Amino acid sequence: MIHIPPSGSHIHHTIEAYLGRYPDERGALMPLLDALTRSEDPTSRKTYPGHITCSAVVIDCHDQVLHIRHKIFDKDLTPGGHIEPADTALPSAALRELQEEVGIPPSAVVPLMGYEGIPLDIDVHDIAANPDKGEPAHQHYDFRFAFRLLGERKIHLQVEEVTDYRWLPFAKVPAPTIAAKLALLPSSTSP
């Protein structure tokens, strides 16, 4: 079976829909936009100086966001990671990572209303070189998709990559761009 990564048109459409909401971020996304003009596959983890990753911003009924403690980076992050050959769309990559890292299946979440297929946030950040994996310093262009958790779910950590998890209120989310966008959402806990 041949697997096709997310198409260039899918990626461009997703970015343009995002920039339609956040036009002031075009400058910050220039490394990503430049990467899309090159011949290399921007979804391949072997593409340098950067490549696309996808994360799941999972919000529970108490307006708290799921964070994992990443073993390598030793910090709280939303579940996410590299695109795999079987991923045909960016949101499905985020959902696959969610299931792999914490055991929450795609059927246990729904896209945040108004963000169906559009990231809540796109972040460009630096990743240090990893000589053990033969990876130079590079950038991740992280597409962060927001989902609402349906009910309560038991967490099953992927112990190879994740050491712990916790639910954080919007105001305590460590990624400033995610926290700022969450602060603008209506509360699901208000009467």
Protein backbone atom coordinates (compact mmCIF):
# COMPACT_ATOMS: atom_id res chain seq x y z
CA MET A 1 0.00 0.00 0.00
CA ILE A 2 1.36 3.42 -0.96
CA HIS A 3 1.02 6.15 1.62
CA ILE A 4 0.81 9.78 0.56
CA PRO A 5 1.79 12.50 3.05
CA PRO A 6 -0.37 15.61 3.41
CA SER A 7 -0.34 17.35 0.04
CA GLY A 8 1.23 20.72 -0.59
CA SER A 9 -2.22 22.11 -1.38
CA HIS A 10 -3.61 20.74 1.93
CA ILE A 11 -0.72 22.38 3.82
CA HIS A 12 -1.08 25.71 1.94
CA HIS A 13 -4.86 25.74 2.47
CA THR A 14 -4.41 25.06 6.19
CA ILE A 15 -1.83 27.86 6.55
CA GLU A 16 -3.93 30.37 4.61
CA ALA A 17 -7.04 29.55 6.68
CA TYR A 18 -4.95 30.07 9.81
CA LEU A 19 -3.48 33.36 8.54
CA GLY A 20 -7.02 34.50 7.69
CA ARG A 21 -7.62 34.49 11.46
CA TYR A 22 -4.16 35.63 12.54
CA PRO A 23 -2.77 37.81 9.70
CA ASP A 24 -0.21 39.43 12.02
CA GLU A 25 1.60 36.07 12.30
CA ARG A 26 2.68 35.89 8.64
CA GLY A 27 6.15 37.22 9.50
CA ALA A 28 6.65 34.64 12.26
CA LEU A 29 5.69 31.88 9.81
CA MET A 30 8.17 32.91 7.09
CA PRO A 31 10.49 29.92 7.78
CA LEU A 32 7.51 27.61 7.20
CA LEU A 33 6.35 29.49 4.12
CA ASP A 34 9.91 29.41 2.73
CA ALA A 35 10.11 25.65 3.39
CA LEU A 36 7.05 25.14 1.20
CA THR A 37 8.85 26.71 -1.77
CA ARG A 38 11.64 24.10 -1.71
CA SER A 39 11.56 20.76 -3.47
CA GLU A 40 12.06 18.69 -0.29
CA ASP A 41 9.04 17.19 1.46
CA PRO A 42 8.26 19.56 4.40
CA THR A 43 6.50 16.72 6.25
CA SER A 44 9.58 14.46 6.36
CA ARG A 45 11.50 14.41 9.63
CA LYS A 46 14.67 14.17 7.50
CA THR A 47 14.04 17.56 5.82
CA TYR A 48 16.32 20.32 7.09
CA PRO A 49 16.58 23.12 8.10
CA GLY A 50 13.05 22.33 9.31
CA HIS A 51 9.93 20.22 8.95
CA ILE A 52 6.27 20.13 9.95
CA THR A 53 5.07 18.51 13.18
CA CYS A 54 1.53 18.29 14.58
CA SER A 55 0.21 18.56 18.13
CA ALA A 56 -3.14 18.02 19.86
CA VAL A 57 -4.35 20.69 22.27
CA VAL A 58 -6.91 18.62 24.21
CA ILE A 59 -9.34 20.58 26.38
CA ASP A 60 -11.47 18.80 28.99
CA CYS A 61 -14.89 19.82 30.37
CA HIS A 62 -13.18 21.90 33.08
CA ASP A 63 -11.29 24.03 30.50
CA GLN A 64 -7.99 22.38 31.31
CA VAL A 65 -5.43 21.38 28.69
CA LEU A 66 -3.65 18.02 28.66
CA HIS A 67 0.15 18.26 28.88
CA ILE A 68 2.72 15.50 28.83
CA ARG A 69 6.17 15.58 30.36
CA HIS A 70 8.42 14.81 27.40
CA LYS A 71 11.36 12.57 28.30
CA ILE A 72 13.93 14.12 25.92
CA PHE A 73 12.93 17.78 26.27
CA ASP A 74 12.10 17.48 30.01
CA LYS A 75 9.25 19.96 29.80
CA ASP A 76 5.47 20.07 29.62
CA LEU A 77 4.16 19.93 26.05
CA THR A 78 0.90 19.13 24.35
CA PRO A 79 0.95 15.62 22.82
CA GLY A 80 2.41 15.67 19.32
CA GLY A 81 5.27 14.84 17.04
CA HIS A 82 6.46 14.08 13.55
CA ILE A 83 4.25 13.22 10.61
CA GLU A 84 4.37 9.54 9.65
CA PRO A 85 3.95 8.04 6.16
CA ALA A 86 0.40 6.86 6.97
CA ASP A 87 -0.77 10.39 7.89
CA THR A 88 -2.69 11.89 4.97
CA ALA A 89 -3.89 15.07 6.71
CA LEU A 90 -2.39 17.33 9.35
CA PRO A 91 -5.19 16.93 11.95
CA SER A 92 -4.99 13.13 11.65
CA ALA A 93 -1.26 13.29 12.48
CA ALA A 94 -2.10 15.19 15.68
CA LEU A 95 -4.77 12.60 16.57
CA ARG A 96 -2.41 9.69 15.90
CA GLU A 97 0.20 11.26 18.19
CA LEU A 98 -2.46 11.80 20.87
CA GLN A 99 -3.35 8.12 20.81
CA GLU A 100 0.29 6.99 20.74
CA GLU A 101 1.51 9.22 23.58
CA VAL A 102 -1.44 9.11 26.01
CA GLY A 103 -3.82 6.42 24.74
CA ILE A 104 -6.73 8.74 23.88
CA PRO A 105 -8.31 7.49 20.62
CA PRO A 106 -9.59 9.88 17.93
CA SER A 107 -13.17 8.83 18.78
CA ALA A 108 -12.76 10.33 22.27
CA VAL A 109 -12.34 13.92 21.03
CA VAL A 110 -14.02 16.35 18.64
CA PRO A 111 -12.44 19.36 16.95
CA LEU A 112 -12.91 22.57 18.92
CA MET A 113 -15.92 24.35 17.45
CA GLY A 114 -14.79 26.79 14.79
CA TYR A 115 -11.39 25.08 14.45
CA GLU A 116 -12.37 22.08 12.35
CA GLY A 117 -9.26 21.53 10.20
CA ILE A 118 -7.74 24.89 11.19
CA PRO A 119 -4.96 24.98 13.80
CA LEU A 120 -5.51 26.91 17.00
CA ASP A 121 -1.82 27.84 16.70
CA ILE A 122 1.15 27.35 14.40
CA ASP A 123 4.52 27.74 16.07
CA VAL A 124 8.04 27.84 14.63
CA HIS A 125 10.60 26.78 17.22
CA ASP A 126 14.22 25.67 17.34
CA ILE A 127 15.27 22.09 18.10
CA ALA A 128 18.81 21.43 19.32
CA ALA A 129 21.09 19.03 17.46
CA ASN A 130 20.78 15.38 18.50
CA PRO A 131 24.05 13.64 17.59
CA ASP A 132 22.70 10.28 18.85
CA LYS A 133 20.09 10.39 16.08
CA GLY A 134 22.34 12.14 13.55
CA GLU A 135 20.06 15.19 13.55
CA PRO A 136 21.46 18.70 13.12
CA ALA A 137 19.93 21.69 14.86
CA HIS A 138 16.72 22.49 13.00
CA GLN A 139 13.23 23.94 13.34
CA HIS A 140 9.81 22.43 13.88
CA TYR A 141 6.83 24.07 12.21
CA ASP A 142 4.23 22.82 14.69
CA PHE A 143 0.56 22.81 13.65
CA ARG A 144 -1.41 22.75 16.92
CA PHE A 145 -4.97 21.49 16.51
CA ALA A 146 -7.50 21.96 19.32
CA PHE A 147 -9.92 19.26 20.42
CA ARG A 148 -12.57 18.89 23.13
CA LEU A 149 -12.41 15.69 25.16
CA LEU A 150 -15.70 13.79 25.24
CA GLY A 151 -16.22 12.67 28.83
CA GLU A 152 -13.42 11.37 31.04
CA ARG A 153 -10.63 9.21 29.65
CA LYS A 154 -7.97 7.15 31.33
CA ILE A 155 -4.44 8.14 30.31
CA HIS A 156 -2.00 5.42 29.18
CA LEU A 157 1.45 6.97 28.77
CA GLN A 158 3.91 5.92 26.08
CA VAL A 159 6.76 5.40 28.54
CA GLU A 160 9.47 5.48 25.84
CA GLU A 161 8.81 9.21 25.28
CA VAL A 162 6.59 10.44 28.12
CA THR A 163 7.26 10.45 31.87
CA ASP A 164 4.08 12.06 33.24
CA TYR A 165 0.98 14.08 32.38
CA ARG A 166 -1.17 16.79 33.90
CA TRP A 167 -4.15 18.96 33.11
CA LEU A 168 -3.45 22.71 33.22
CA PRO A 169 -5.93 25.60 33.30
CA PHE A 170 -5.73 27.94 30.31
CA ALA A 171 -3.82 30.58 32.32
CA LYS A 172 -1.07 28.06 33.24
CA VAL A 173 -0.44 26.67 29.74
CA PRO A 174 3.34 27.12 29.26
CA ALA A 175 3.22 27.88 25.50
CA PRO A 176 2.45 31.62 25.41
CA THR A 177 0.86 31.59 21.95
CA ILE A 178 -1.51 28.75 22.89
CA ALA A 179 -2.35 30.38 26.24
CA ALA A 180 -3.16 33.70 24.55
CA LYS A 181 -5.51 32.07 22.04
CA LEU A 182 -7.21 29.92 24.68
CA ALA A 183 -7.84 33.03 26.80
CA LEU A 184 -10.02 34.36 23.96
CA LEU A 185 -12.29 31.29 23.92
CA PRO A 186 -15.63 31.27 25.70
CA SER A 187 -15.53 29.15 28.84
CA SER A 188 -17.31 25.82 28.73
CA THR A 189 -17.64 25.90 32.53
CA SER A 190 -19.49 29.21 32.84
CA PRO A 191 -23.24 29.07 33.59
